[in-house]
Amino acid sequence: MKALLASWQVWAIGSAVFAALTAIFAKVGIVGVNSDFATFVRTVVILAAIGLMLTLAGTWQAPGTVSARSWLFLVLSGLATGASWLCYFRALKIGKAAQVAPVDKLSVVLVAVFAVLVLGEQLSPVHWLAVFMIGAGALMLALPI
């Protein structure tokens, strides 16, 4: 069990399952609610839940132990997350969850491209084919039903 919990694949599948539930729960919950306010509520809940997890696990870290570079990129990541959530909730308010979520997952394609361009990571031709297929699938799902 310990090895299973140390597997990135298990956590990635968990992320996908919870992201899917996020879309469904948000689509139901956003009815009659301003999308920006809905994003705010979601953020407060996440902040409280993660604070509780850090407390229960005893994994709080002193802010002074975090490098300035890490702070910069964590803050930038937080700003990007907030912008993503605002866009996602607005799209979900207007569109169908079955179309909004796949387009949102074009982030998978963008991560692959950015990882190669910015981080210098390498993808094999098979991986590029998979990236292309994910992009094509997401775009096909976005077509009007």
N, C-alpha and C. Protein backbone atom coordinates (compact mmCIF):
# COMPACT_ATOMS: atom_id res chain seq x y z
N MET A 1 0.82 -1.20 0.00
CA MET A 1 0.00 0.00 0.00
C MET A 1 0.87 1.26 0.00
N LYS A 2 1.96 1.22 0.76
CA LYS A 2 2.84 2.39 0.83
C LYS A 2 3.44 2.70 -0.54
N ALA A 3 3.82 1.63 -1.28
CA ALA A 3 4.37 1.82 -2.62
C ALA A 3 3.32 2.41 -3.55
N LEU A 4 2.07 1.97 -3.37
CA LEU A 4 0.99 2.48 -4.20
C LEU A 4 0.80 3.98 -3.98
N LEU A 5 0.86 4.41 -2.72
CA LEU A 5 0.69 5.83 -2.40
C LEU A 5 1.89 6.67 -2.83
N ALA A 6 3.02 6.02 -3.11
CA ALA A 6 4.20 6.73 -3.58
C ALA A 6 4.23 6.81 -5.11
N SER A 7 3.24 6.27 -5.76
CA SER A 7 3.18 6.24 -7.22
C SER A 7 2.55 7.52 -7.77
N TRP A 8 3.25 8.19 -8.67
CA TRP A 8 2.69 9.41 -9.27
C TRP A 8 1.45 9.08 -10.07
N GLN A 9 1.40 7.87 -10.64
CA GLN A 9 0.25 7.49 -11.47
C GLN A 9 -1.04 7.45 -10.66
N VAL A 10 -0.96 6.94 -9.44
CA VAL A 10 -2.14 6.87 -8.57
C VAL A 10 -2.65 8.28 -8.27
N TRP A 11 -1.75 9.17 -7.94
CA TRP A 11 -2.14 10.54 -7.62
C TRP A 11 -2.66 11.27 -8.86
N ALA A 12 -2.08 10.99 -10.03
CA ALA A 12 -2.56 11.61 -11.27
C ALA A 12 -3.97 11.13 -11.62
N ILE A 13 -4.23 9.85 -11.41
CA ILE A 13 -5.59 9.33 -11.65
C ILE A 13 -6.56 9.97 -10.65
N GLY A 14 -6.14 10.09 -9.40
CA GLY A 14 -6.97 10.77 -8.41
C GLY A 14 -7.26 12.20 -8.83
N SER A 15 -6.25 12.89 -9.35
CA SER A 15 -6.45 14.25 -9.83
C SER A 15 -7.49 14.29 -10.94
N ALA A 16 -7.41 13.35 -11.87
CA ALA A 16 -8.37 13.31 -12.98
C ALA A 16 -9.79 13.04 -12.48
N VAL A 17 -9.92 12.11 -11.53
CA VAL A 17 -11.25 11.78 -10.99
C VAL A 17 -11.84 13.00 -10.28
N PHE A 18 -11.03 13.64 -9.44
CA PHE A 18 -11.54 14.80 -8.71
C PHE A 18 -11.78 15.99 -9.63
N ALA A 19 -10.98 16.15 -10.67
CA ALA A 19 -11.22 17.22 -11.65
C ALA A 19 -12.55 16.99 -12.36
N ALA A 20 -12.84 15.72 -12.68
CA ALA A 20 -14.12 15.41 -13.32
C ALA A 20 -15.28 15.73 -12.38
N LEU A 21 -15.14 15.34 -11.12
CA LEU A 21 -16.19 15.64 -10.14
C LEU A 21 -16.33 17.15 -9.95
N THR A 22 -15.21 17.87 -10.01
CA THR A 22 -15.24 19.32 -9.90
C THR A 22 -16.14 19.93 -10.97
N ALA A 23 -15.99 19.45 -12.20
CA ALA A 23 -16.81 19.99 -13.29
C ALA A 23 -18.28 19.71 -13.07
N ILE A 24 -18.60 18.50 -12.67
CA ILE A 24 -20.01 18.13 -12.47
C ILE A 24 -20.60 18.90 -11.30
N PHE A 25 -19.91 18.89 -10.17
CA PHE A 25 -20.41 19.61 -8.98
C PHE A 25 -20.54 21.10 -9.26
N ALA A 26 -19.55 21.68 -9.96
CA ALA A 26 -19.58 23.11 -10.25
C ALA A 26 -20.73 23.45 -11.18
N LYS A 27 -20.97 22.62 -12.19
CA LYS A 27 -22.06 22.90 -13.14
C LYS A 27 -23.40 22.93 -12.42
N VAL A 28 -23.58 22.02 -11.47
CA VAL A 28 -24.83 21.99 -10.70
C VAL A 28 -24.86 23.17 -9.72
N GLY A 29 -23.74 23.44 -9.06
CA GLY A 29 -23.70 24.48 -8.03
C GLY A 29 -23.73 25.89 -8.54
N ILE A 30 -23.34 26.11 -9.78
CA ILE A 30 -23.23 27.47 -10.30
C ILE A 30 -24.58 28.05 -10.76
N VAL A 31 -25.61 27.21 -10.78
CA VAL A 31 -26.93 27.68 -11.21
C VAL A 31 -27.39 28.81 -10.28
N GLY A 32 -27.67 29.97 -10.85
CA GLY A 32 -28.16 31.11 -10.08
C GLY A 32 -27.08 31.81 -9.28
N VAL A 33 -25.80 31.50 -9.56
CA VAL A 33 -24.69 32.09 -8.81
C VAL A 33 -23.74 32.76 -9.79
N ASN A 34 -23.25 33.94 -9.45
CA ASN A 34 -22.25 34.62 -10.25
C ASN A 34 -21.00 33.75 -10.32
N SER A 35 -20.41 33.59 -11.50
CA SER A 35 -19.27 32.68 -11.66
C SER A 35 -18.05 33.12 -10.86
N ASP A 36 -17.82 34.43 -10.72
CA ASP A 36 -16.68 34.90 -9.92
C ASP A 36 -16.90 34.59 -8.45
N PHE A 37 -18.13 34.76 -7.96
CA PHE A 37 -18.43 34.43 -6.57
C PHE A 37 -18.27 32.92 -6.34
N ALA A 38 -18.70 32.13 -7.30
CA ALA A 38 -18.55 30.68 -7.20
C ALA A 38 -17.07 30.30 -7.10
N THR A 39 -16.23 30.98 -7.88
CA THR A 39 -14.79 30.73 -7.82
C THR A 39 -14.25 31.10 -6.44
N PHE A 40 -14.73 32.20 -5.89
CA PHE A 40 -14.31 32.62 -4.55
C PHE A 40 -14.68 31.57 -3.50
N VAL A 41 -15.90 31.07 -3.56
CA VAL A 41 -16.34 30.04 -2.60
C VAL A 41 -15.45 28.81 -2.72
N ARG A 42 -15.22 28.39 -3.95
CA ARG A 42 -14.36 27.22 -4.19
C ARG A 42 -12.97 27.44 -3.59
N THR A 43 -12.42 28.62 -3.77
CA THR A 43 -11.09 28.94 -3.28
C THR A 43 -11.03 28.91 -1.76
N VAL A 44 -12.04 29.47 -1.10
CA VAL A 44 -12.08 29.46 0.37
C VAL A 44 -12.15 28.03 0.89
N VAL A 45 -12.97 27.20 0.25
CA VAL A 45 -13.08 25.80 0.67
C VAL A 45 -11.74 25.09 0.50
N ILE A 46 -11.08 25.31 -0.62
CA ILE A 46 -9.77 24.68 -0.86
C ILE A 46 -8.76 25.14 0.18
N LEU A 47 -8.72 26.43 0.45
CA LEU A 47 -7.79 26.98 1.44
C LEU A 47 -8.01 26.33 2.80
N ALA A 48 -9.26 26.22 3.22
CA ALA A 48 -9.56 25.61 4.52
C ALA A 48 -9.19 24.13 4.53
N ALA A 49 -9.52 23.42 3.46
CA ALA A 49 -9.24 21.98 3.41
C ALA A 49 -7.73 21.71 3.43
N ILE A 50 -6.97 22.47 2.67
CA ILE A 50 -5.53 22.25 2.64
C ILE A 50 -4.89 22.67 3.96
N GLY A 51 -5.39 23.74 4.56
CA GLY A 51 -4.91 24.14 5.88
C GLY A 51 -5.14 23.04 6.91
N LEU A 52 -6.32 22.42 6.85
CA LEU A 52 -6.62 21.31 7.76
C LEU A 52 -5.69 20.13 7.50
N MET A 53 -5.46 19.80 6.22
CA MET A 53 -4.56 18.69 5.88
C MET A 53 -3.14 18.94 6.39
N LEU A 54 -2.64 20.16 6.20
CA LEU A 54 -1.31 20.50 6.68
C LEU A 54 -1.22 20.38 8.20
N THR A 55 -2.27 20.80 8.88
CA THR A 55 -2.30 20.72 10.34
C THR A 55 -2.33 19.27 10.80
N LEU A 56 -3.22 18.48 10.22
CA LEU A 56 -3.34 17.07 10.63
C LEU A 56 -2.07 16.28 10.32
N ALA A 57 -1.43 16.58 9.22
CA ALA A 57 -0.21 15.86 8.82
C ALA A 57 1.04 16.44 9.48
N GLY A 58 0.90 17.62 10.08
CA GLY A 58 2.06 18.27 10.69
C GLY A 58 3.11 18.67 9.67
N THR A 59 2.66 19.13 8.50
CA THR A 59 3.59 19.44 7.42
C THR A 59 3.68 20.92 7.07
N TRP A 60 3.24 21.79 8.01
CA TRP A 60 3.41 23.22 7.77
C TRP A 60 4.90 23.50 7.64
N GLN A 61 5.27 24.47 6.83
CA GLN A 61 6.67 24.83 6.62
C GLN A 61 6.82 26.31 6.92
N ALA A 62 7.90 26.65 7.60
CA ALA A 62 8.17 28.06 7.90
C ALA A 62 8.40 28.82 6.59
N PRO A 63 7.71 29.93 6.40
CA PRO A 63 7.86 30.69 5.15
C PRO A 63 9.31 31.07 4.85
N GLY A 64 10.10 31.30 5.89
CA GLY A 64 11.50 31.70 5.70
C GLY A 64 12.37 30.60 5.10
N THR A 65 11.88 29.36 5.11
CA THR A 65 12.66 28.26 4.54
C THR A 65 12.43 28.10 3.04
N VAL A 66 11.56 28.93 2.48
CA VAL A 66 11.26 28.86 1.06
C VAL A 66 12.10 29.93 0.34
N SER A 67 12.80 29.53 -0.72
CA SER A 67 13.66 30.47 -1.44
C SER A 67 12.83 31.53 -2.15
N ALA A 68 13.47 32.65 -2.44
CA ALA A 68 12.78 33.74 -3.16
C ALA A 68 12.31 33.26 -4.53
N ARG A 69 13.11 32.45 -5.20
CA ARG A 69 12.74 31.92 -6.52
C ARG A 69 11.50 31.05 -6.40
N SER A 70 11.47 30.19 -5.39
CA SER A 70 10.29 29.34 -5.18
C SER A 70 9.06 30.19 -4.89
N TRP A 71 9.21 31.21 -4.03
CA TRP A 71 8.09 32.10 -3.74
C TRP A 71 7.56 32.73 -5.02
N LEU A 72 8.47 33.24 -5.85
CA LEU A 72 8.07 33.90 -7.10
C LEU A 72 7.24 32.95 -7.95
N PHE A 73 7.75 31.74 -8.17
CA PHE A 73 7.06 30.82 -9.07
C PHE A 73 5.80 30.22 -8.44
N LEU A 74 5.77 30.09 -7.12
CA LEU A 74 4.54 29.64 -6.46
C LEU A 74 3.46 30.71 -6.55
N VAL A 75 3.84 31.97 -6.39
CA VAL A 75 2.89 33.07 -6.53
C VAL A 75 2.39 33.15 -7.97
N LEU A 76 3.30 33.04 -8.94
CA LEU A 76 2.88 33.04 -10.35
C LEU A 76 1.95 31.86 -10.64
N SER A 77 2.26 30.71 -10.08
CA SER A 77 1.39 29.54 -10.26
C SER A 77 0.02 29.78 -9.65
N GLY A 78 -0.02 30.42 -8.48
CA GLY A 78 -1.30 30.74 -7.85
C GLY A 78 -2.11 31.72 -8.67
N LEU A 79 -1.45 32.72 -9.24
CA LEU A 79 -2.15 33.68 -10.10
C LEU A 79 -2.69 33.00 -11.35
N ALA A 80 -1.88 32.11 -11.94
CA ALA A 80 -2.33 31.37 -13.12
C ALA A 80 -3.50 30.46 -12.76
N THR A 81 -3.44 29.82 -11.60
CA THR A 81 -4.54 28.95 -11.15
C THR A 81 -5.81 29.78 -10.99
N GLY A 82 -5.71 30.92 -10.34
CA GLY A 82 -6.87 31.78 -10.15
C GLY A 82 -7.48 32.22 -11.46
N ALA A 83 -6.62 32.62 -12.39
CA ALA A 83 -7.11 33.04 -13.71
C ALA A 83 -7.77 31.87 -14.43
N SER A 84 -7.17 30.69 -14.31
CA SER A 84 -7.74 29.49 -14.93
C SER A 84 -9.11 29.19 -14.35
N TRP A 85 -9.23 29.25 -13.04
CA TRP A 85 -10.51 28.96 -12.39
C TRP A 85 -11.58 29.96 -12.76
N LEU A 86 -11.21 31.25 -12.83
CA LEU A 86 -12.18 32.27 -13.23
C LEU A 86 -12.68 31.99 -14.65
N CYS A 87 -11.75 31.70 -15.54
CA CYS A 87 -12.14 31.39 -16.93
C CYS A 87 -12.99 30.11 -16.98
N TYR A 88 -12.59 29.10 -16.23
CA TYR A 88 -13.29 27.82 -16.24
C TYR A 88 -14.73 27.96 -15.75
N PHE A 89 -14.92 28.69 -14.65
CA PHE A 89 -16.27 28.85 -14.10
C PHE A 89 -17.14 29.69 -15.03
N ARG A 90 -16.55 30.69 -15.68
CA ARG A 90 -17.32 31.48 -16.65
C ARG A 90 -17.74 30.60 -17.82
N ALA A 91 -16.81 29.80 -18.33
CA ALA A 91 -17.13 28.90 -19.44
C ALA A 91 -18.18 27.88 -19.03
N LEU A 92 -18.06 27.37 -17.82
CA LEU A 92 -19.02 26.37 -17.32
C LEU A 92 -20.41 26.98 -17.14
N LYS A 93 -20.45 28.24 -16.74
CA LYS A 93 -21.72 28.94 -16.57
C LYS A 93 -22.45 29.07 -17.91
N ILE A 94 -21.69 29.29 -18.96
CA ILE A 94 -22.26 29.53 -20.29
C ILE A 94 -22.45 28.24 -21.08
N GLY A 95 -21.48 27.34 -20.98
CA GLY A 95 -21.46 26.16 -21.84
C GLY A 95 -21.84 24.87 -21.14
N LYS A 96 -21.75 23.79 -21.90
CA LYS A 96 -22.03 22.46 -21.39
C LYS A 96 -20.77 21.87 -20.77
N ALA A 97 -20.92 21.22 -19.63
CA ALA A 97 -19.77 20.64 -18.93
C ALA A 97 -19.03 19.66 -19.83
N ALA A 98 -19.77 18.89 -20.63
CA ALA A 98 -19.15 17.88 -21.50
C ALA A 98 -18.34 18.51 -22.63
N GLN A 99 -18.51 19.80 -22.85
CA GLN A 99 -17.72 20.49 -23.86
C GLN A 99 -16.66 21.39 -23.22
N VAL A 100 -17.00 22.03 -22.11
CA VAL A 100 -16.06 22.93 -21.45
C VAL A 100 -14.86 22.15 -20.89
N ALA A 101 -15.12 21.06 -20.20
CA ALA A 101 -14.04 20.31 -19.55
C ALA A 101 -13.00 19.80 -20.55
N PRO A 102 -13.40 19.21 -21.68
CA PRO A 102 -12.36 18.77 -22.63
C PRO A 102 -11.51 19.92 -23.19
N VAL A 103 -12.14 21.06 -23.45
CA VAL A 103 -11.36 22.19 -23.94
C VAL A 103 -10.39 22.64 -22.85
N ASP A 104 -10.85 22.66 -21.62
CA ASP A 104 -9.98 22.99 -20.48
C ASP A 104 -8.78 22.03 -20.45
N LYS A 105 -9.00 20.79 -20.82
CA LYS A 105 -7.94 19.79 -20.79
C LYS A 105 -6.96 19.95 -21.95
N LEU A 106 -7.20 20.91 -22.82
CA LEU A 106 -6.16 21.25 -23.79
C LEU A 106 -4.91 21.73 -23.06
N SER A 107 -5.06 22.01 -21.76
CA SER A 107 -3.90 22.34 -20.94
C SER A 107 -2.87 21.21 -20.99
N VAL A 108 -3.31 19.97 -21.16
CA VAL A 108 -2.39 18.83 -21.28
C VAL A 108 -1.48 19.04 -22.49
N VAL A 109 -2.06 19.45 -23.60
CA VAL A 109 -1.30 19.71 -24.81
C VAL A 109 -0.33 20.87 -24.58
N LEU A 110 -0.85 21.94 -23.98
CA LEU A 110 -0.02 23.12 -23.73
C LEU A 110 1.12 22.81 -22.76
N VAL A 111 0.86 21.99 -21.75
CA VAL A 111 1.92 21.61 -20.81
C VAL A 111 3.04 20.88 -21.55
N ALA A 112 2.66 19.96 -22.43
CA ALA A 112 3.67 19.22 -23.19
C ALA A 112 4.53 20.19 -24.02
N VAL A 113 3.87 21.10 -24.73
CA VAL A 113 4.60 22.06 -25.56
C VAL A 113 5.48 22.96 -24.69
N PHE A 114 4.91 23.52 -23.61
CA PHE A 114 5.69 24.40 -22.73
C PHE A 114 6.84 23.65 -22.06
N ALA A 115 6.62 22.38 -21.68
CA ALA A 115 7.67 21.60 -21.04
C ALA A 115 8.86 21.42 -21.97
N VAL A 116 8.57 21.23 -23.25
CA VAL A 116 9.65 21.09 -24.23
C VAL A 116 10.35 22.44 -24.44
N LEU A 117 9.55 23.50 -24.65
CA LEU A 117 10.12 24.81 -24.98
C LEU A 117 10.79 25.49 -23.79
N VAL A 118 10.17 25.40 -22.61
CA VAL A 118 10.66 26.15 -21.45
C VAL A 118 11.55 25.30 -20.55
N LEU A 119 11.16 24.05 -20.32
CA LEU A 119 11.90 23.21 -19.37
C LEU A 119 12.94 22.32 -20.05
N GLY A 120 12.92 22.28 -21.37
CA GLY A 120 13.89 21.46 -22.09
C GLY A 120 13.61 19.96 -22.02
N GLU A 121 12.38 19.59 -21.68
CA GLU A 121 12.04 18.18 -21.63
C GLU A 121 11.95 17.63 -23.06
N GLN A 122 12.07 16.31 -23.18
CA GLN A 122 12.04 15.66 -24.48
C GLN A 122 10.83 14.75 -24.56
N LEU A 123 10.17 14.73 -25.72
CA LEU A 123 9.07 13.81 -25.96
C LEU A 123 9.41 12.97 -27.18
N SER A 124 9.09 11.69 -27.10
CA SER A 124 9.33 10.79 -28.21
C SER A 124 8.26 11.02 -29.27
N PRO A 125 8.46 10.51 -30.49
CA PRO A 125 7.41 10.63 -31.52
C PRO A 125 6.08 10.02 -31.06
N VAL A 126 6.13 8.94 -30.32
CA VAL A 126 4.89 8.32 -29.81
C VAL A 126 4.19 9.27 -28.84
N HIS A 127 4.98 9.94 -28.00
CA HIS A 127 4.39 10.89 -27.05
C HIS A 127 3.78 12.08 -27.79
N TRP A 128 4.47 12.56 -28.84
CA TRP A 128 3.90 13.67 -29.63
C TRP A 128 2.60 13.25 -30.30
N LEU A 129 2.55 12.01 -30.76
CA LEU A 129 1.32 11.49 -31.35
C LEU A 129 0.19 11.51 -30.31
N ALA A 130 0.51 11.09 -29.09
CA ALA A 130 -0.49 11.09 -28.02
C ALA A 130 -0.95 12.51 -27.71
N VAL A 131 -0.02 13.45 -27.67
CA VAL A 131 -0.37 14.87 -27.43
C VAL A 131 -1.31 15.36 -28.53
N PHE A 132 -0.98 15.03 -29.77
CA PHE A 132 -1.83 15.42 -30.89
C PHE A 132 -3.23 14.81 -30.75
N MET A 133 -3.28 13.53 -30.38
CA MET A 133 -4.57 12.85 -30.24
C MET A 133 -5.41 13.46 -29.11
N ILE A 134 -4.76 13.83 -28.01
CA ILE A 134 -5.48 14.49 -26.92
C ILE A 134 -6.06 15.81 -27.41
N GLY A 135 -5.25 16.58 -28.12
CA GLY A 135 -5.71 17.86 -28.66
C GLY A 135 -6.87 17.67 -29.63
N ALA A 136 -6.71 16.72 -30.53
CA ALA A 136 -7.78 16.47 -31.51
C ALA A 136 -9.05 16.01 -30.83
N GLY A 137 -8.92 15.13 -29.85
CA GLY A 137 -10.09 14.65 -29.11
C GLY A 137 -10.80 15.76 -28.37
N ALA A 138 -10.02 16.62 -27.72
CA ALA A 138 -10.62 17.73 -26.98
C ALA A 138 -11.36 18.66 -27.93
N LEU A 139 -10.75 18.93 -29.07
CA LEU A 139 -11.42 19.81 -30.04
C LEU A 139 -12.67 19.17 -30.62
N MET A 140 -12.63 17.87 -30.87
CA MET A 140 -13.81 17.17 -31.38
C MET A 140 -14.95 17.21 -30.36
N LEU A 141 -14.62 17.04 -29.08
CA LEU A 141 -15.63 17.09 -28.04
C LEU A 141 -16.23 18.49 -27.90
N ALA A 142 -15.48 19.50 -28.31
CA ALA A 142 -15.97 20.88 -28.20
C ALA A 142 -16.95 21.24 -29.31
N LEU A 143 -17.02 20.40 -30.33
CA LEU A 143 -17.95 20.70 -31.43
C LEU A 143 -19.39 20.65 -30.91
N PRO A 144 -20.26 21.45 -31.50
CA PRO A 144 -21.65 21.45 -31.06
C PRO A 144 -22.26 20.06 -31.20
N ILE A 145 -23.05 19.70 -30.22
CA ILE A 145 -23.68 18.38 -30.19
C ILE A 145 -24.91 18.36 -31.06
